[in-house]
Amino acid sequence: MEGEAASHQALAGIPKEFRRNRALATARLAPPQLHQRDIDQACATASTVFRLMAGHPIPGRMRSLLGDYYRDLITLAPDASVAREWADRYRSEWSRS
């Protein structure tokens, strides 16, 4: 819960035009949600990273965070349809970057 609260607080302080910083803070928000077993919300949050970075390469640190999230997702919710959908998008976005 502390990680999620800190990420929400960080996001609130980042101006909308700082797309990359917002995407990085968002990538840090998804894992705590996932570990709280809020799979739908975690996948929605992680998908926001792709929307924020649309048309731009995903930087290495962000790619690493998303990769860690992906590994945790397939471990914690391998049969959830939303997890499979997110994984498909992740693989698609990963190959695009």
Protein backbone atom coordinates (compact mmCIF):
# COMPACT_ATOMS: atom_id res chain seq x y z
CA MET A 1 0.00 0.00 0.00
CA GLU A 2 2.84 2.42 0.76
CA GLY A 3 4.33 1.93 -2.71
CA GLU A 4 1.01 2.62 -4.36
CA ALA A 5 0.36 5.73 -2.25
CA ALA A 6 3.85 7.08 -2.98
CA SER A 7 3.37 6.51 -6.71
CA HIS A 8 -0.01 8.27 -6.69
CA GLN A 9 1.57 11.17 -4.82
CA ALA A 10 4.45 11.34 -7.29
CA LEU A 11 2.07 11.32 -10.26
CA ALA A 12 0.02 14.13 -8.77
CA GLY A 13 3.12 16.33 -8.73
CA ILE A 14 4.23 15.70 -12.31
CA PRO A 15 2.89 18.17 -14.90
CA LYS A 16 0.91 16.61 -17.77
CA GLU A 17 3.47 17.76 -20.33
CA PHE A 18 6.19 15.66 -18.69
CA ARG A 19 5.00 12.56 -20.51
CA ARG A 20 8.11 10.47 -19.90
CA ASN A 21 8.24 11.22 -16.16
CA ARG A 22 4.51 10.44 -15.85
CA ALA A 23 5.03 7.16 -17.70
CA LEU A 24 7.89 6.18 -15.40
CA ALA A 25 5.87 6.98 -12.26
CA THR A 26 2.95 5.03 -13.73
CA ALA A 27 5.19 2.04 -14.42
CA ARG A 28 6.15 2.12 -10.74
CA LEU A 29 2.49 2.22 -9.67
CA ALA A 30 1.36 -0.99 -11.40
CA PRO A 31 3.47 -3.52 -9.41
CA PRO A 32 2.08 -2.57 -5.97
CA GLN A 33 -1.44 -2.85 -7.40
CA LEU A 34 -0.58 -6.25 -8.80
CA HIS A 35 0.86 -7.46 -5.50
CA GLN A 36 -2.37 -6.39 -3.81
CA ARG A 37 -4.06 -8.76 -6.29
CA ASP A 38 -5.92 -5.92 -8.03
CA ILE A 39 -5.16 -7.49 -11.40
CA ASP A 40 -7.59 -5.45 -13.50
CA GLN A 41 -6.41 -2.13 -12.08
CA ALA A 42 -2.75 -3.11 -12.32
CA CYS A 43 -3.12 -4.03 -16.00
CA ALA A 44 -5.02 -0.80 -16.71
CA THR A 45 -2.29 1.18 -14.97
CA ALA A 46 0.50 -0.62 -16.83
CA SER A 47 -1.33 -0.05 -20.13
CA THR A 48 -1.30 3.68 -19.44
CA VAL A 49 2.48 3.59 -19.86
CA PHE A 50 2.02 2.51 -23.48
CA ARG A 51 -0.50 5.30 -24.10
CA LEU A 52 1.79 7.91 -22.55
CA MET A 53 4.75 6.72 -24.62
CA ALA A 54 2.83 6.27 -27.89
CA GLY A 55 5.01 7.33 -30.80
CA HIS A 56 8.16 7.43 -28.65
CA PRO A 57 10.67 4.72 -27.77
CA ILE A 58 10.30 3.25 -24.30
CA PRO A 59 13.49 4.07 -22.35
CA GLY A 60 15.56 1.26 -20.83
CA ARG A 61 14.62 1.87 -17.19
CA MET A 62 10.93 1.87 -18.10
CA ARG A 63 11.35 -1.26 -20.22
CA SER A 64 13.00 -2.94 -17.24
CA LEU A 65 10.12 -1.97 -14.92
CA LEU A 66 7.58 -3.27 -17.44
CA GLY A 67 9.56 -6.49 -17.82
CA ASP A 68 9.55 -6.99 -14.05
CA TYR A 69 5.82 -6.26 -14.00
CA TYR A 70 5.24 -8.77 -16.79
CA ARG A 71 7.13 -11.52 -14.96
CA ASP A 72 5.16 -10.89 -11.77
CA LEU A 73 1.90 -10.76 -13.73
CA ILE A 74 2.37 -14.16 -15.35
CA THR A 75 3.39 -15.58 -11.97
CA LEU A 76 0.49 -14.13 -9.96
CA ALA A 77 -2.32 -14.24 -12.52
CA PRO A 78 -1.39 -16.60 -15.36
CA ASP A 79 -5.01 -17.51 -16.13
CA ALA A 80 -6.63 -14.06 -15.92
CA SER A 81 -7.88 -12.91 -19.33
CA VAL A 82 -6.86 -9.31 -18.62
CA ALA A 83 -3.34 -10.56 -17.85
CA ARG A 84 -3.17 -12.43 -21.16
CA GLU A 85 -4.42 -9.35 -23.02
CA TRP A 86 -1.83 -7.16 -21.31
CA ALA A 87 0.91 -9.69 -22.06
CA ASP A 88 -0.04 -9.64 -25.75
CA ARG A 89 0.15 -5.87 -25.82
CA TYR A 90 3.44 -5.91 -23.92
CA ARG A 91 5.02 -8.24 -26.47
CA SER A 92 3.68 -6.07 -29.31
CA GLU A 93 4.95 -2.85 -27.74
CA TRP A 94 8.28 -4.44 -26.82
CA SER A 95 8.96 -5.42 -30.42
CA ARG A 96 7.97 -1.93 -31.61
CA SER A 97 10.40 -0.10 -29.33
